[in-house]
Amino acid sequence: MTTRESPEIVVAIDTREQKPYRFARSEVKTLASGDYSIVGLEERIAIERKTKEDAYSSLGQGRARFERELQRLSRFDYAAIVIETSLPEFLQAPAFSRMNPKAAAGSIVAWSVKYRVCVFFAGDRRHGNALTRQLLEKYLRYQNGDADAGSG
């Protein structure tokens, strides 16, 4: 039973996720896009997790592949990217990257608008896990017709 305080969801975790977040209930399965979804709604909601280093790599050498992923995510009812760093920390490029941090941030902002994919700078891994759980729960509550899903 889904309650107002805590919807009972089973989080779908992609088989390719190397350091998966932990959830009360989860199932590892192959997702077409993203790293996290809700079992039964895998074609409607997707959350992509990125470390700062992974984000820079995706904007640099993996740019074409990442843009194809964003194109797929744009077809979902809701899609988001959760980056496990703060914006000020993101603006300090990793040692391996020659990418200008302002250009990296600019690409993320531009693509979030172009592909309608929300981007969240979660601060760190722990907050990224909590934010991902909350995004999935809120989506499910709205899908279940809970008009007060935003109030708590």
Protein backbone atom coordinates (compact mmCIF):
# COMPACT_ATOMS: atom_id res chain seq x y z
CA MET A 1 0.00 0.00 0.00
CA THR A 2 1.26 3.47 -0.83
CA THR A 3 1.05 5.95 2.00
CA ARG A 4 1.23 9.71 1.85
CA GLU A 5 4.43 9.74 3.91
CA SER A 6 6.34 7.01 2.10
CA PRO A 7 5.24 5.52 -1.20
CA GLU A 8 6.25 1.89 -1.46
CA ILE A 9 8.33 1.82 -4.60
CA VAL A 10 10.70 -0.70 -5.99
CA VAL A 11 13.61 1.17 -7.51
CA ALA A 12 14.96 -0.25 -10.75
CA ILE A 13 18.77 -0.04 -10.82
CA ASP A 14 20.50 -0.44 -14.16
CA THR A 15 22.78 -3.48 -14.48
CA ARG A 16 25.59 -1.20 -15.71
CA GLU A 17 25.52 1.00 -12.59
CA GLN A 18 28.96 0.50 -11.04
CA LYS A 19 28.33 2.03 -7.60
CA PRO A 20 24.58 1.75 -7.08
CA TYR A 21 22.73 3.78 -4.51
CA ARG A 22 20.93 1.90 -1.74
CA PHE A 23 17.16 1.84 -1.40
CA ALA A 24 14.75 0.03 0.91
CA ARG A 25 13.44 -1.97 -2.06
CA SER A 26 15.26 -2.32 -5.35
CA GLU A 27 15.70 -4.61 -8.31
CA VAL A 28 18.67 -4.74 -10.67
CA LYS A 29 17.58 -4.80 -14.31
CA THR A 30 18.68 -3.52 -17.70
CA LEU A 31 17.32 -0.03 -18.30
CA ALA A 32 17.16 1.47 -21.79
CA SER A 33 18.20 4.87 -20.40
CA GLY A 34 19.34 6.23 -17.09
CA ASP A 35 20.65 4.52 -13.99
CA TYR A 36 17.49 4.51 -11.85
CA SER A 37 13.76 4.19 -12.44
CA ILE A 38 10.68 2.65 -10.86
CA VAL A 39 9.87 -0.99 -11.58
CA GLY A 40 6.93 -0.97 -13.96
CA LEU A 41 7.56 2.61 -15.08
CA GLU A 42 10.98 2.17 -16.68
CA GLU A 43 9.84 3.77 -19.95
CA ARG A 44 8.39 6.82 -18.18
CA ILE A 45 10.96 8.01 -15.63
CA ALA A 46 14.75 7.86 -15.55
CA ILE A 47 17.42 9.33 -13.32
CA GLU A 48 21.01 9.45 -14.57
CA ARG A 49 23.72 9.59 -11.86
CA LYS A 50 27.04 11.30 -12.50
CA THR A 51 30.11 11.95 -10.42
CA LYS A 52 31.91 15.18 -11.28
CA GLU A 53 34.60 13.18 -13.09
CA ASP A 54 32.02 11.18 -15.05
CA ALA A 55 30.16 14.37 -16.00
CA TYR A 56 33.36 15.95 -17.36
CA SER A 57 34.21 12.76 -19.24
CA SER A 58 30.67 12.69 -20.69
CA LEU A 59 31.01 16.30 -21.82
CA GLY A 60 34.46 15.71 -23.29
CA GLN A 61 35.49 12.42 -24.89
CA GLY A 62 32.03 10.86 -24.38
CA ARG A 63 30.12 13.88 -25.66
CA ALA A 64 28.41 12.23 -28.66
CA ARG A 65 27.31 9.21 -26.61
CA PHE A 66 26.05 11.45 -23.78
CA GLU A 67 24.05 13.62 -26.18
CA ARG A 68 22.42 10.48 -27.60
CA GLU A 69 21.51 9.51 -24.01
CA LEU A 70 19.95 12.96 -23.49
CA GLN A 71 17.95 12.53 -26.70
CA ARG A 72 16.55 9.25 -25.33
CA LEU A 73 15.86 10.82 -21.93
CA SER A 74 13.93 13.66 -23.58
CA ARG A 75 11.24 11.17 -24.58
CA PHE A 76 10.47 10.24 -20.96
CA ASP A 77 7.67 11.80 -18.90
CA TYR A 78 10.37 12.84 -16.44
CA ALA A 79 14.14 12.59 -16.62
CA ALA A 80 16.88 14.07 -14.49
CA ILE A 81 20.62 14.02 -14.04
CA VAL A 82 21.89 13.98 -10.47
CA ILE A 83 25.49 15.14 -10.22
CA GLU A 84 27.29 14.20 -7.00
CA THR A 85 28.96 17.56 -6.43
CA SER A 86 28.02 21.17 -5.83
CA LEU A 87 28.04 23.74 -8.61
CA PRO A 88 31.05 25.60 -7.10
CA GLU A 89 32.96 22.30 -6.89
CA PHE A 90 31.88 21.40 -10.45
CA LEU A 91 33.46 24.66 -11.62
CA GLN A 92 36.84 23.27 -10.55
CA ALA A 93 37.70 20.86 -13.36
CA PRO A 94 39.11 17.43 -12.47
CA ALA A 95 42.87 17.07 -12.94
CA PHE A 96 42.49 14.89 -16.07
CA SER A 97 40.22 17.34 -17.89
CA ARG A 98 41.33 20.11 -20.20
CA MET A 99 37.73 21.27 -20.58
CA ASN A 100 36.98 24.80 -19.45
CA PRO A 101 34.69 24.47 -16.38
CA LYS A 102 32.45 27.32 -17.56
CA ALA A 103 32.05 25.59 -20.93
CA ALA A 104 31.21 22.31 -19.14
CA ALA A 105 28.57 24.05 -17.01
CA GLY A 106 27.28 25.89 -20.08
CA SER A 107 26.84 22.62 -21.97
CA ILE A 108 24.90 21.10 -19.08
CA VAL A 109 22.61 24.14 -18.85
CA ALA A 110 22.07 24.29 -22.61
CA TRP A 111 21.34 20.58 -22.93
CA SER A 112 19.00 20.61 -19.92
CA VAL A 113 16.89 23.20 -21.75
CA LYS A 114 17.22 21.63 -25.22
CA TYR A 115 16.33 18.11 -24.05
CA ARG A 116 14.05 19.05 -21.10
CA VAL A 117 16.15 17.03 -18.66
CA CYS A 118 16.43 18.47 -15.15
CA VAL A 119 19.94 18.76 -13.71
CA PHE A 120 20.58 18.72 -9.96
CA PHE A 121 23.89 19.35 -8.24
CA ALA A 122 23.40 17.19 -5.16
CA GLY A 123 26.57 18.14 -3.28
CA ASP A 124 27.82 14.62 -2.63
CA ARG A 125 26.96 10.94 -2.99
CA ARG A 126 24.84 10.71 0.18
CA HIS A 127 22.68 13.65 -0.91
CA GLY A 128 22.55 12.28 -4.47
CA ASN A 129 21.11 9.02 -3.12
CA ALA A 130 18.50 10.87 -1.04
CA LEU A 131 17.59 13.20 -3.93
CA THR A 132 17.21 10.29 -6.36
CA ARG A 133 14.90 8.50 -3.91
CA GLN A 134 12.83 11.65 -3.41
CA LEU A 135 12.52 12.31 -7.16
CA LEU A 136 11.30 8.76 -7.76
CA GLU A 137 8.85 8.93 -4.84
CA LYS A 138 7.45 12.31 -5.92
CA TYR A 139 6.99 11.08 -9.49
CA LEU A 140 5.08 8.04 -8.27
CA ARG A 141 2.89 10.12 -5.97
CA TYR A 142 1.96 12.49 -8.79
CA GLN A 143 1.25 9.52 -11.08
CA ASN A 144 -1.04 8.12 -8.38
CA GLY A 145 -3.02 11.36 -8.36
CA ASP A 146 -1.65 12.80 -5.12
CA ALA A 147 -2.23 16.54 -5.66
CA ASP A 148 -0.27 17.26 -2.46
CA ALA A 149 2.87 15.41 -3.59
CA GLY A 150 4.88 18.60 -3.46
CA SER A 151 4.08 19.38 0.16
CA GLY A 152 6.30 17.07 2.10
